[in-house]
Amino acid sequence: MIQADADSPVGSVLLLPELLSKPLRNGLPAELDELAGLVGRLQLHEVSRAIASLATTLGAKYGLRAADAVHLATAATFADRFITDNTKDFARSISEVDIVYPSDLAEPA
């Protein structure tokens, strides 16, 4: 998830197939509903030429796969931080946006 601030989480439209395809394919309606609800709370951004161009640069710089590079480029364009549990591909050394792991977040009260 990409977060501009606490009240306006954003993401790439690529989240739709990434998150929803597997539970749809495996016939898991409860999981599909839960993930669709999560994605429904995000402001999803299209992959514009500018985002794709930045993703190309970031993908080369950080060795990212195309979809991950698009997510990072979307975050760098629209957000202050990028929340991910993918510590392998998104190191804190990424300088274009703050990388935040779920373990960094405060527990809800």
PDB file of N, CA and C in Angstrom:
ATOM      1  N   MET A   1       0.854  -1.169   0.000  1.00  0.00           N
ATOM      2  CA  MET A   1       0.000   0.000   0.000  1.00  0.00           C
ATOM      3  C   MET A   1       0.897   1.227   0.000  1.00  0.00           C
ATOM      4  N   ILE A   2       0.468   2.215  -0.687  1.00  0.00           N
ATOM      5  CA  ILE A   2       1.169   3.482  -0.756  1.00  0.00           C
ATOM      6  C   ILE A   2       0.326   4.484   0.014  1.00  0.00           C
ATOM      7  N   GLN A   3       0.971   5.287   0.839  1.00  0.00           N
ATOM      8  CA  GLN A   3       0.177   6.172   1.651  1.00  0.00           C
ATOM      9  C   GLN A   3       0.672   7.602   1.549  1.00  0.00           C
ATOM     10  N   ALA A   4      -0.215   8.486   1.063  1.00  0.00           N
ATOM     11  CA  ALA A   4       0.109   9.897   0.963  1.00  0.00           C
ATOM     12  C   ALA A   4       0.106  10.526   2.352  1.00  0.00           C
ATOM     13  N   ASP A   5      -0.860  10.193   3.140  1.00  0.00           N
ATOM     14  CA  ASP A   5      -0.915  10.570   4.551  1.00  0.00           C
ATOM     15  C   ASP A   5      -1.891   9.620   5.222  1.00  0.00           C
ATOM     16  N   ALA A   6      -2.100   9.794   6.497  1.00  0.00           N
ATOM     17  CA  ALA A   6      -2.920   8.833   7.254  1.00  0.00           C
ATOM     18  C   ALA A   6      -4.344   8.733   6.732  1.00  0.00           C
ATOM     19  N   ASP A   7      -4.847   9.784   6.069  1.00  0.00           N
ATOM     20  CA  ASP A   7      -6.239   9.793   5.644  1.00  0.00           C
ATOM     21  C   ASP A   7      -6.461   9.475   4.175  1.00  0.00           C
ATOM     22  N   SER A   8      -5.407   9.387   3.384  1.00  0.00           N
ATOM     23  CA  SER A   8      -5.622   9.182   1.955  1.00  0.00           C
ATOM     24  C   SER A   8      -4.656   8.157   1.362  1.00  0.00           C
ATOM     25  N   PRO A   9      -4.883   6.880   1.645  1.00  0.00           N
ATOM     26  CA  PRO A   9      -4.014   5.854   1.055  1.00  0.00           C
ATOM     27  C   PRO A   9      -4.251   5.755  -0.450  1.00  0.00           C
ATOM     28  N   VAL A  10      -3.179   5.545  -1.184  1.00  0.00           N
ATOM     29  CA  VAL A  10      -3.242   5.445  -2.631  1.00  0.00           C
ATOM     30  C   VAL A  10      -2.514   4.191  -3.095  1.00  0.00           C
ATOM     31  N   GLY A  11      -2.719   3.831  -4.333  1.00  0.00           N
ATOM     32  CA  GLY A  11      -2.027   2.693  -4.908  1.00  0.00           C
ATOM     33  C   GLY A  11      -2.146   2.714  -6.418  1.00  0.00           C
ATOM     34  N   SER A  12      -1.523   1.753  -7.040  1.00  0.00           N
ATOM     35  CA  SER A  12      -1.598   1.580  -8.482  1.00  0.00           C
ATOM     36  C   SER A  12      -2.757   0.653  -8.825  1.00  0.00           C
ATOM     37  N   VAL A  13      -3.351   0.861 -10.001  1.00  0.00           N
ATOM     38  CA  VAL A  13      -4.408  -0.040 -10.452  1.00  0.00           C
ATOM     39  C   VAL A  13      -3.894  -1.476 -10.595  1.00  0.00           C
ATOM     40  N   LEU A  14      -2.581  -1.654 -10.634  1.00  0.00           N
ATOM     41  CA  LEU A  14      -2.019  -3.007 -10.707  1.00  0.00           C
ATOM     42  C   LEU A  14      -2.328  -3.826  -9.461  1.00  0.00           C
ATOM     43  N   LEU A  15      -2.744  -3.154  -8.375  1.00  0.00           N
ATOM     44  CA  LEU A  15      -3.132  -3.897  -7.176  1.00  0.00           C
ATOM     45  C   LEU A  15      -4.338  -4.790  -7.432  1.00  0.00           C
ATOM     46  N   LEU A  16      -5.204  -4.394  -8.348  1.00  0.00           N
ATOM     47  CA  LEU A  16      -6.406  -5.187  -8.616  1.00  0.00           C
ATOM     48  C   LEU A  16      -6.061  -6.608  -9.057  1.00  0.00           C
ATOM     49  N   PRO A  17      -5.323  -6.809 -10.150  1.00  0.00           N
ATOM     50  CA  PRO A  17      -5.002  -8.197 -10.509  1.00  0.00           C
ATOM     51  C   PRO A  17      -4.040  -8.861  -9.532  1.00  0.00           C
ATOM     52  N   GLU A  18      -3.144  -8.093  -8.936  1.00  0.00           N
ATOM     53  CA  GLU A  18      -2.190  -8.698  -7.999  1.00  0.00           C
ATOM     54  C   GLU A  18      -2.882  -9.269  -6.773  1.00  0.00           C
ATOM     55  N   LEU A  19      -3.843  -8.562  -6.242  1.00  0.00           N
ATOM     56  CA  LEU A  19      -4.484  -9.000  -5.005  1.00  0.00           C
ATOM     57  C   LEU A  19      -5.730  -9.861  -5.216  1.00  0.00           C
ATOM     58  N   LEU A  20      -6.449  -9.629  -6.301  1.00  0.00           N
ATOM     59  CA  LEU A  20      -7.757 -10.268  -6.435  1.00  0.00           C
ATOM     60  C   LEU A  20      -7.773 -11.521  -7.301  1.00  0.00           C
ATOM     61  N   SER A  21      -6.770 -11.713  -8.149  1.00  0.00           N
ATOM     62  CA  SER A  21      -6.782 -12.862  -9.065  1.00  0.00           C
ATOM     63  C   SER A  21      -6.749 -14.207  -8.345  1.00  0.00           C
ATOM     64  N   LYS A  22      -5.878 -14.341  -7.362  1.00  0.00           N
ATOM     65  CA  LYS A  22      -5.717 -15.644  -6.699  1.00  0.00           C
ATOM     66  C   LYS A  22      -6.974 -16.082  -5.948  1.00  0.00           C
ATOM     67  N   PRO A  23      -7.566 -15.220  -5.091  1.00  0.00           N
ATOM     68  CA  PRO A  23      -8.782 -15.691  -4.418  1.00  0.00           C
ATOM     69  C   PRO A  23      -9.939 -15.907  -5.395  1.00  0.00           C
ATOM     70  N   LEU A  24      -9.980 -15.159  -6.490  1.00  0.00           N
ATOM     71  CA  LEU A  24     -11.012 -15.378  -7.499  1.00  0.00           C
ATOM     72  C   LEU A  24     -10.799 -16.724  -8.186  1.00  0.00           C
ATOM     73  N   ARG A  25      -9.563 -17.010  -8.568  1.00  0.00           N
ATOM     74  CA  ARG A  25      -9.218 -18.278  -9.231  1.00  0.00           C
ATOM     75  C   ARG A  25      -9.474 -19.473  -8.313  1.00  0.00           C
ATOM     76  N   ASN A  26      -9.162 -19.325  -7.032  1.00  0.00           N
ATOM     77  CA  ASN A  26      -9.276 -20.435  -6.079  1.00  0.00           C
ATOM     78  C   ASN A  26     -10.649 -20.541  -5.434  1.00  0.00           C
ATOM     79  N   GLY A  27     -11.587 -19.703  -5.852  1.00  0.00           N
ATOM     80  CA  GLY A  27     -12.943 -19.783  -5.313  1.00  0.00           C
ATOM     81  C   GLY A  27     -13.012 -19.479  -3.832  1.00  0.00           C
ATOM     82  N   LEU A  28     -12.345 -18.427  -3.408  1.00  0.00           N
ATOM     83  CA  LEU A  28     -12.326 -18.018  -1.997  1.00  0.00           C
ATOM     84  C   LEU A  28     -13.083 -16.700  -1.837  1.00  0.00           C
ATOM     85  N   PRO A  29     -14.407 -16.746  -1.795  1.00  0.00           N
ATOM     86  CA  PRO A  29     -15.198 -15.516  -1.778  1.00  0.00           C
ATOM     87  C   PRO A  29     -14.957 -14.633  -0.553  1.00  0.00           C
ATOM     88  N   ALA A  30     -14.746 -15.216   0.609  1.00  0.00           N
ATOM     89  CA  ALA A  30     -14.518 -14.405   1.811  1.00  0.00           C
ATOM     90  C   ALA A  30     -13.215 -13.622   1.690  1.00  0.00           C
ATOM     91  N   GLU A  31     -12.157 -14.293   1.209  1.00  0.00           N
ATOM     92  CA  GLU A  31     -10.872 -13.627   1.018  1.00  0.00           C
ATOM     93  C   GLU A  31     -10.980 -12.568  -0.074  1.00  0.00           C
ATOM     94  N   LEU A  32     -11.696 -12.884  -1.136  1.00  0.00           N
ATOM     95  CA  LEU A  32     -11.900 -11.940  -2.228  1.00  0.00           C
ATOM     96  C   LEU A  32     -12.625 -10.695  -1.727  1.00  0.00           C
ATOM     97  N   ASP A  33     -13.676 -10.889  -0.946  1.00  0.00           N
ATOM     98  CA  ASP A  33     -14.424  -9.755  -0.395  1.00  0.00           C
ATOM     99  C   ASP A  33     -13.561  -8.894   0.517  1.00  0.00           C
ATOM    100  N   GLU A  34     -12.755  -9.540   1.348  1.00  0.00           N
ATOM    101  CA  GLU A  34     -11.894  -8.800   2.276  1.00  0.00           C
ATOM    102  C   GLU A  34     -10.862  -7.963   1.511  1.00  0.00           C
ATOM    103  N   LEU A  35     -10.211  -8.582   0.536  1.00  0.00           N
ATOM    104  CA  LEU A  35      -9.208  -7.852  -0.244  1.00  0.00           C
ATOM    105  C   LEU A  35      -9.845  -6.774  -1.109  1.00  0.00           C
ATOM    106  N   ALA A  36     -11.007  -7.050  -1.682  1.00  0.00           N
ATOM    107  CA  ALA A  36     -11.712  -6.045  -2.479  1.00  0.00           C
ATOM    108  C   ALA A  36     -12.100  -4.852  -1.603  1.00  0.00           C
ATOM    109  N   GLY A  37     -12.490  -5.126  -0.365  1.00  0.00           N
ATOM    110  CA  GLY A  37     -12.802  -4.037   0.565  1.00  0.00           C
ATOM    111  C   GLY A  37     -11.591  -3.182   0.867  1.00  0.00           C
ATOM    112  N   LEU A  38     -10.439  -3.821   1.035  1.00  0.00           N
ATOM    113  CA  LEU A  38      -9.198  -3.085   1.279  1.00  0.00           C
ATOM    114  C   LEU A  38      -8.847  -2.214   0.080  1.00  0.00           C
ATOM    115  N   VAL A  39      -8.858  -2.800  -1.099  1.00  0.00           N
ATOM    116  CA  VAL A  39      -8.525  -2.052  -2.311  1.00  0.00           C
ATOM    117  C   VAL A  39      -9.540  -0.932  -2.545  1.00  0.00           C
ATOM    118  N   GLY A  40     -10.790  -1.180  -2.172  1.00  0.00           N
ATOM    119  CA  GLY A  40     -11.836  -0.169  -2.341  1.00  0.00           C
ATOM    120  C   GLY A  40     -11.620   1.083  -1.512  1.00  0.00           C
ATOM    121  N   ARG A  41     -10.797   0.996  -0.493  1.00  0.00           N
ATOM    122  CA  ARG A  41     -10.502   2.171   0.344  1.00  0.00           C
ATOM    123  C   ARG A  41      -9.327   2.985  -0.189  1.00  0.00           C
ATOM    124  N   LEU A  42      -8.711   2.501  -1.263  1.00  0.00           N
ATOM    125  CA  LEU A  42      -7.558   3.186  -1.831  1.00  0.00           C
ATOM    126  C   LEU A  42      -7.964   4.060  -3.011  1.00  0.00           C
ATOM    127  N   GLN A  43      -7.250   5.144  -3.175  1.00  0.00           N
ATOM    128  CA  GLN A  43      -7.371   5.938  -4.387  1.00  0.00           C
ATOM    129  C   GLN A  43      -6.381   5.329  -5.385  1.00  0.00           C
ATOM    130  N   LEU A  44      -6.901   4.639  -6.389  1.00  0.00           N
ATOM    131  CA  LEU A  44      -6.041   3.933  -7.338  1.00  0.00           C
ATOM    132  C   LEU A  44      -5.669   4.849  -8.501  1.00  0.00           C
ATOM    133  N   HIS A  45      -4.388   4.852  -8.839  1.00  0.00           N
ATOM    134  CA  HIS A  45      -3.874   5.681  -9.928  1.00  0.00           C
ATOM    135  C   HIS A  45      -3.561   4.819 -11.144  1.00  0.00           C
ATOM    136  N   GLU A  46      -3.890   5.348 -12.308  1.00  0.00           N
ATOM    137  CA  GLU A  46      -3.578   4.693 -13.574  1.00  0.00           C
ATOM    138  C   GLU A  46      -2.064   4.691 -13.789  1.00  0.00           C
ATOM    139  N   VAL A  47      -1.614   3.797 -14.642  1.00  0.00           N
ATOM    140  CA  VAL A  47      -0.203   3.755 -15.017  1.00  0.00           C
ATOM    141  C   VAL A  47      -0.042   4.661 -16.245  1.00  0.00           C
ATOM    142  N   SER A  48       0.328   5.886 -15.990  1.00  0.00           N
ATOM    143  CA  SER A  48       0.532   6.862 -17.058  1.00  0.00           C
ATOM    144  C   SER A  48       1.902   6.664 -17.701  1.00  0.00           C
ATOM    145  N   ARG A  49       2.143   7.381 -18.781  1.00  0.00           N
ATOM    146  CA  ARG A  49       3.460   7.329 -19.414  1.00  0.00           C
ATOM    147  C   ARG A  49       4.531   7.806 -18.435  1.00  0.00           C
ATOM    148  N   ALA A  50       4.228   8.841 -17.648  1.00  0.00           N
ATOM    149  CA  ALA A  50       5.202   9.358 -16.684  1.00  0.00           C
ATOM    150  C   ALA A  50       5.519   8.315 -15.611  1.00  0.00           C
ATOM    151  N   ILE A  51       4.493   7.638 -15.103  1.00  0.00           N
ATOM    152  CA  ILE A  51       4.711   6.590 -14.103  1.00  0.00           C
ATOM    153  C   ILE A  51       5.517   5.452 -14.716  1.00  0.00           C
ATOM    154  N   ALA A  52       5.172   5.050 -15.941  1.00  0.00           N
ATOM    155  CA  ALA A  52       5.897   3.960 -16.610  1.00  0.00           C
ATOM    156  C   ALA A  52       7.357   4.330 -16.845  1.00  0.00           C
ATOM    157  N   SER A  53       7.603   5.574 -17.205  1.00  0.00           N
ATOM    158  CA  SER A  53       8.979   6.029 -17.424  1.00  0.00           C
ATOM    159  C   SER A  53       9.778   5.999 -16.121  1.00  0.00           C
ATOM    160  N   LEU A  54       9.170   6.522 -15.055  1.00  0.00           N
ATOM    161  CA  LEU A  54       9.832   6.487 -13.751  1.00  0.00           C
ATOM    162  C   LEU A  54      10.034   5.041 -13.292  1.00  0.00           C
ATOM    163  N   ALA A  55       9.052   4.182 -13.532  1.00  0.00           N
ATOM    164  CA  ALA A  55       9.173   2.768 -13.163  1.00  0.00           C
ATOM    165  C   ALA A  55      10.336   2.104 -13.893  1.00  0.00           C
ATOM    166  N   THR A  56      10.553   2.487 -15.133  1.00  0.00           N
ATOM    167  CA  THR A  56      11.677   1.950 -15.896  1.00  0.00           C
ATOM    168  C   THR A  56      12.994   2.313 -15.226  1.00  0.00           C
ATOM    169  N   THR A  57      13.110   3.573 -14.831  1.00  0.00           N
ATOM    170  CA  THR A  57      14.328   4.039 -14.162  1.00  0.00           C
ATOM    171  C   THR A  57      14.516   3.362 -12.812  1.00  0.00           C
ATOM    172  N   LEU A  58      13.440   3.305 -12.019  1.00  0.00           N
ATOM    173  CA  LEU A  58      13.535   2.703 -10.682  1.00  0.00           C
ATOM    174  C   LEU A  58      13.748   1.195 -10.755  1.00  0.00           C
ATOM    175  N   GLY A  59      13.126   0.550 -11.724  1.00  0.00           N
ATOM    176  CA  GLY A  59      13.329  -0.878 -11.905  1.00  0.00           C
ATOM    177  C   GLY A  59      14.781  -1.206 -12.200  1.00  0.00           C
ATOM    178  N   ALA A  60      15.398  -0.390 -13.054  1.00  0.00           N
ATOM    179  CA  ALA A  60      16.813  -0.592 -13.378  1.00  0.00           C
ATOM    180  C   ALA A  60      17.698  -0.280 -12.171  1.00  0.00           C
ATOM    181  N   LYS A  61      17.381   0.796 -11.469  1.00  0.00           N
ATOM    182  CA  LYS A  61      18.194   1.229 -10.326  1.00  0.00           C
ATOM    183  C   LYS A  61      18.174   0.223  -9.187  1.00  0.00           C
ATOM    184  N   TYR A  62      16.994  -0.356  -8.901  1.00  0.00           N
ATOM    185  CA  TYR A  62      16.840  -1.230  -7.737  1.00  0.00           C
ATOM    186  C   TYR A  62      16.643  -2.706  -8.088  1.00  0.00           C
ATOM    187  N   GLY A  63      16.707  -3.056  -9.354  1.00  0.00           N
ATOM    188  CA  GLY A  63      16.553  -4.446  -9.760  1.00  0.00           C
ATOM    189  C   GLY A  63      15.161  -5.001  -9.514  1.00  0.00           C
ATOM    190  N   LEU A  64      14.137  -4.197  -9.757  1.00  0.00           N
ATOM    191  CA  LEU A  64      12.756  -4.584  -9.478  1.00  0.00           C
ATOM    192  C   LEU A  64      12.076  -5.183 -10.702  1.00  0.00           C
ATOM    193  N   ARG A  65      11.152  -6.091 -10.456  1.00  0.00           N
ATOM    194  CA  ARG A  65      10.273  -6.574 -11.522  1.00  0.00           C
ATOM    195  C   ARG A  65       9.341  -5.430 -11.920  1.00  0.00           C
ATOM    196  N   ALA A  66       8.745  -5.553 -13.093  1.00  0.00           N
ATOM    197  CA  ALA A  66       7.941  -4.468 -13.657  1.00  0.00           C
ATOM    198  C   ALA A  66       6.830  -3.986 -12.712  1.00  0.00           C
ATOM    199  N   ALA A  67       6.033  -4.906 -12.186  1.00  0.00           N
ATOM    200  CA  ALA A  67       4.920  -4.492 -11.320  1.00  0.00           C
ATOM    201  C   ALA A  67       5.426  -3.800 -10.063  1.00  0.00           C
ATOM    202  N   ASP A  68       6.488  -4.327  -9.456  1.00  0.00           N
ATOM    203  CA  ASP A  68       7.041  -3.697  -8.256  1.00  0.00           C
ATOM    204  C   ASP A  68       7.588  -2.311  -8.577  1.00  0.00           C
ATOM    205  N   ALA A  69       8.211  -2.164  -9.736  1.00  0.00           N
ATOM    206  CA  ALA A  69       8.727  -0.858 -10.145  1.00  0.00           C
ATOM    207  C   ALA A  69       7.582   0.136 -10.344  1.00  0.00           C
ATOM    208  N   VAL A  70       6.464  -0.319 -10.888  1.00  0.00           N
ATOM    209  CA  VAL A  70       5.298   0.561 -11.059  1.00  0.00           C
ATOM    210  C   VAL A  70       4.747   0.977  -9.709  1.00  0.00           C
ATOM    211  N   HIS A  71       4.673   0.047  -8.758  1.00  0.00           N
ATOM    212  CA  HIS A  71       4.187   0.409  -7.419  1.00  0.00           C
ATOM    213  C   HIS A  71       5.104   1.458  -6.782  1.00  0.00           C
ATOM    214  N   LEU A  72       6.409   1.264  -6.910  1.00  0.00           N
ATOM    215  CA  LEU A  72       7.352   2.223  -6.339  1.00  0.00           C
ATOM    216  C   LEU A  72       7.247   3.574  -7.040  1.00  0.00           C
ATOM    217  N   ALA A  73       7.125   3.578  -8.342  1.00  0.00           N
ATOM    218  CA  ALA A  73       6.993   4.839  -9.086  1.00  0.00           C
ATOM    219  C   ALA A  73       5.705   5.563  -8.712  1.00  0.00           C
ATOM    220  N   THR A  74       4.631   4.815  -8.505  1.00  0.00           N
ATOM    221  CA  THR A  74       3.361   5.417  -8.076  1.00  0.00           C
ATOM    222  C   THR A  74       3.529   6.056  -6.704  1.00  0.00           C
ATOM    223  N   ALA A  75       4.206   5.354  -5.815  1.00  0.00           N
ATOM    224  CA  ALA A  75       4.454   5.899  -4.477  1.00  0.00           C
ATOM    225  C   ALA A  75       5.317   7.152  -4.547  1.00  0.00           C
ATOM    226  N   ALA A  76       6.374   7.094  -5.328  1.00  0.00           N
ATOM    227  CA  ALA A  76       7.283   8.236  -5.428  1.00  0.00           C
ATOM    228  C   ALA A  76       6.577   9.461  -6.006  1.00  0.00           C
ATOM    229  N   THR A  77       5.556   9.244  -6.816  1.00  0.00           N
ATOM    230  CA  THR A  77       4.828  10.336  -7.454  1.00  0.00           C
ATOM    231  C   THR A  77       3.722  10.902  -6.571  1.00  0.00           C
ATOM    232  N   PHE A  78       3.005  10.044  -5.857  1.00  0.00           N
ATOM    233  CA  PHE A  78       1.790  10.467  -5.172  1.00  0.00           C
ATOM    234  C   PHE A  78       1.825  10.391  -3.650  1.00  0.00           C
ATOM    235  N   ALA A  79       2.886   9.859  -3.063  1.00  0.00           N
ATOM    236  CA  ALA A  79       2.833   9.563  -1.633  1.00  0.00           C
ATOM    237  C   ALA A  79       4.099   9.965  -0.895  1.00  0.00           C
ATOM    238  N   ASP A  80       3.977   9.966   0.420  1.00  0.00           N
ATOM    239  CA  ASP A  80       5.111  10.243   1.301  1.00  0.00           C
ATOM    240  C   ASP A  80       5.793   8.962   1.754  1.00  0.00           C
ATOM    241  N   ARG A  81       5.022   7.860   1.749  1.00  0.00           N
ATOM    242  CA  ARG A  81       5.594   6.598   2.206  1.00  0.00           C
ATOM    243  C   ARG A  81       4.968   5.438   1.461  1.00  0.00           C
ATOM    244  N   PHE A  82       5.711   4.338   1.449  1.00  0.00           N
ATOM    245  CA  PHE A  82       5.307   3.116   0.762  1.00  0.00           C
ATOM    246  C   PHE A  82       5.300   2.004   1.805  1.00  0.00           C
ATOM    247  N   ILE A  83       4.118   1.467   2.095  1.00  0.00           N
ATOM    248  CA  ILE A  83       3.986   0.429   3.107  1.00  0.00           C
ATOM    249  C   ILE A  83       3.983  -0.927   2.403  1.00  0.00           C
ATOM    250  N   THR A  84       4.929  -1.782   2.787  1.00  0.00           N
ATOM    251  CA  THR A  84       5.062  -3.093   2.163  1.00  0.00           C
ATOM    252  C   THR A  84       5.652  -4.091   3.145  1.00  0.00           C
ATOM    253  N   ASP A  85       5.287  -5.341   2.981  1.00  0.00           N
ATOM    254  CA  ASP A  85       5.950  -6.382   3.770  1.00  0.00           C
ATOM    255  C   ASP A  85       7.014  -7.093   2.927  1.00  0.00           C
ATOM    256  N   ASN A  86       7.272  -6.574   1.751  1.00  0.00           N
ATOM    257  CA  ASN A  86       8.275  -7.139   0.846  1.00  0.00           C
ATOM    258  C   ASN A  86       9.648  -6.521   1.155  1.00  0.00           C
ATOM    259  N   THR A  87      10.271  -7.042   2.179  1.00  0.00           N
ATOM    260  CA  THR A  87      11.584  -6.520   2.598  1.00  0.00           C
ATOM    261  C   THR A  87      12.693  -6.937   1.649  1.00  0.00           C
ATOM    262  N   LYS A  88      12.470  -7.986   0.880  1.00  0.00           N
ATOM    263  CA  LYS A  88      13.487  -8.464  -0.060  1.00  0.00           C
ATOM    264  C   LYS A  88      13.706  -7.467  -1.196  1.00  0.00           C
ATOM    265  N   ASP A  89      12.620  -6.964  -1.773  1.00  0.00           N
ATOM    266  CA  ASP A  89      12.726  -6.086  -2.939  1.00  0.00           C
ATOM    267  C   ASP A  89      12.717  -4.599  -2.597  1.00  0.00           C
ATOM    268  N   PHE A  90      12.132  -4.243  -1.452  1.00  0.00           N
ATOM    269  CA  PHE A  90      12.010  -2.831  -1.093  1.00  0.00           C
ATOM    270  C   PHE A  90      12.814  -2.546   0.176  1.00  0.00           C
ATOM    271  N   ALA A  91      14.077  -2.254  -0.013  1.00  0.00           N
ATOM    272  CA  ALA A  91      14.975  -1.965   1.111  1.00  0.00           C
ATOM    273  C   ALA A  91      14.784  -0.532   1.584  1.00  0.00           C
ATOM    274  N   ARG A  92      15.115  -0.305   2.813  1.00  0.00           N
ATOM    275  CA  ARG A  92      15.028   1.057   3.367  1.00  0.00           C
ATOM    276  C   ARG A  92      15.977   2.025   2.667  1.00  0.00           C
ATOM    277  N   SER A  93      16.935   1.500   1.937  1.00  0.00           N
ATOM    278  CA  SER A  93      17.887   2.359   1.230  1.00  0.00           C
ATOM    279  C   SER A  93      17.272   3.043   0.009  1.00  0.00           C
ATOM    280  N   ILE A  94      16.069   2.666  -0.378  1.00  0.00           N
ATOM    281  CA  ILE A  94      15.379   3.346  -1.477  1.00  0.00           C
ATOM    282  C   ILE A  94      15.163   4.795  -1.055  1.00  0.00           C
ATOM    283  N   SER A  95      15.580   5.714  -1.901  1.00  0.00           N
ATOM    284  CA  SER A  95      15.594   7.121  -1.497  1.00  0.00           C
ATOM    285  C   SER A  95      14.430   7.949  -2.037  1.00  0.00           C
ATOM    286  N   GLU A  96      13.673   7.428  -2.967  1.00  0.00           N
ATOM    287  CA  GLU A  96      12.623   8.220  -3.611  1.00  0.00           C
ATOM    288  C   GLU A  96      11.370   8.407  -2.753  1.00  0.00           C
ATOM    289  N   VAL A  97      11.159   7.517  -1.790  1.00  0.00           N
ATOM    290  CA  VAL A  97      10.000   7.573  -0.906  1.00  0.00           C
ATOM    291  C   VAL A  97      10.368   6.787   0.356  1.00  0.00           C
ATOM    292  N   ASP A  98       9.781   7.141   1.487  1.00  0.00           N
ATOM    293  CA  ASP A  98      10.049   6.395   2.720  1.00  0.00           C
ATOM    294  C   ASP A  98       9.445   5.004   2.623  1.00  0.00           C
ATOM    295  N   ILE A  99      10.263   3.989   2.890  1.00  0.00           N
ATOM    296  CA  ILE A  99       9.805   2.608   2.903  1.00  0.00           C
ATOM    297  C   ILE A  99       9.434   2.251   4.334  1.00  0.00           C
ATOM    298  N   VAL A 100       8.213   1.759   4.524  1.00  0.00           N
ATOM    299  CA  VAL A 100       7.699   1.409   5.855  1.00  0.00           C
ATOM    300  C   VAL A 100       7.194  -0.024   5.811  1.00  0.00           C
ATOM    301  N   TYR A 101       7.630  -0.812   6.784  1.00  0.00           N
ATOM    302  CA  TYR A 101       7.173  -2.191   6.916  1.00  0.00           C
ATOM    303  C   TYR A 101       6.059  -2.235   7.964  1.00  0.00           C
ATOM    304  N   PRO A 102       5.115  -3.172   7.834  1.00  0.00           N
ATOM    305  CA  PRO A 102       4.026  -3.257   8.809  1.00  0.00           C
ATOM    306  C   PRO A 102       4.519  -3.317  10.256  1.00  0.00           C
ATOM    307  N   SER A 103       5.669  -3.944  10.494  1.00  0.00           N
ATOM    308  CA  SER A 103       6.196  -4.019  11.856  1.00  0.00           C
ATOM    309  C   SER A 103       6.605  -2.656  12.408  1.00  0.00           C
ATOM    310  N   ASP A 104       6.759  -1.659  11.525  1.00  0.00           N
ATOM    311  CA  ASP A 104       7.099  -0.309  11.947  1.00  0.00           C
ATOM    312  C   ASP A 104       5.880   0.468  12.435  1.00  0.00           C
ATOM    313  N   LEU A 105       4.698   0.003  12.083  1.00  0.00           N
ATOM    314  CA  LEU A 105       3.472   0.732  12.380  1.00  0.00           C
ATOM    315  C   LEU A 105       3.008   0.441  13.800  1.00  0.00           C
ATOM    316  N   ALA A 106       2.425   1.440  14.416  1.00  0.00           N
ATOM    317  CA  ALA A 106       1.890   1.286  15.772  1.00  0.00           C
ATOM    318  C   ALA A 106       0.671   0.377  15.724  1.00  0.00           C
ATOM    319  N   GLU A 107       0.496  -0.431  16.744  1.00  0.00           N
ATOM    320  CA  GLU A 107      -0.683  -1.270  16.866  1.00  0.00           C
ATOM    321  C   GLU A 107      -1.908  -0.373  17.083  1.00  0.00           C
ATOM    322  N   PRO A 108      -3.052  -0.725  16.485  1.00  0.00           N
ATOM    323  CA  PRO A 108      -4.255   0.077  16.717  1.00  0.00           C
ATOM    324  C   PRO A 108      -4.680   0.001  18.168  1.00  0.00           C
ATOM    325  N   ALA A 109      -5.204   1.104  18.642  1.00  0.00           N
ATOM    326  CA  ALA A 109      -5.627   1.166  20.061  1.00  0.00           C
ATOM    327  C   ALA A 109      -6.913   0.426  20.300  1.00  0.00           C
TER     328      ALA A 109
END
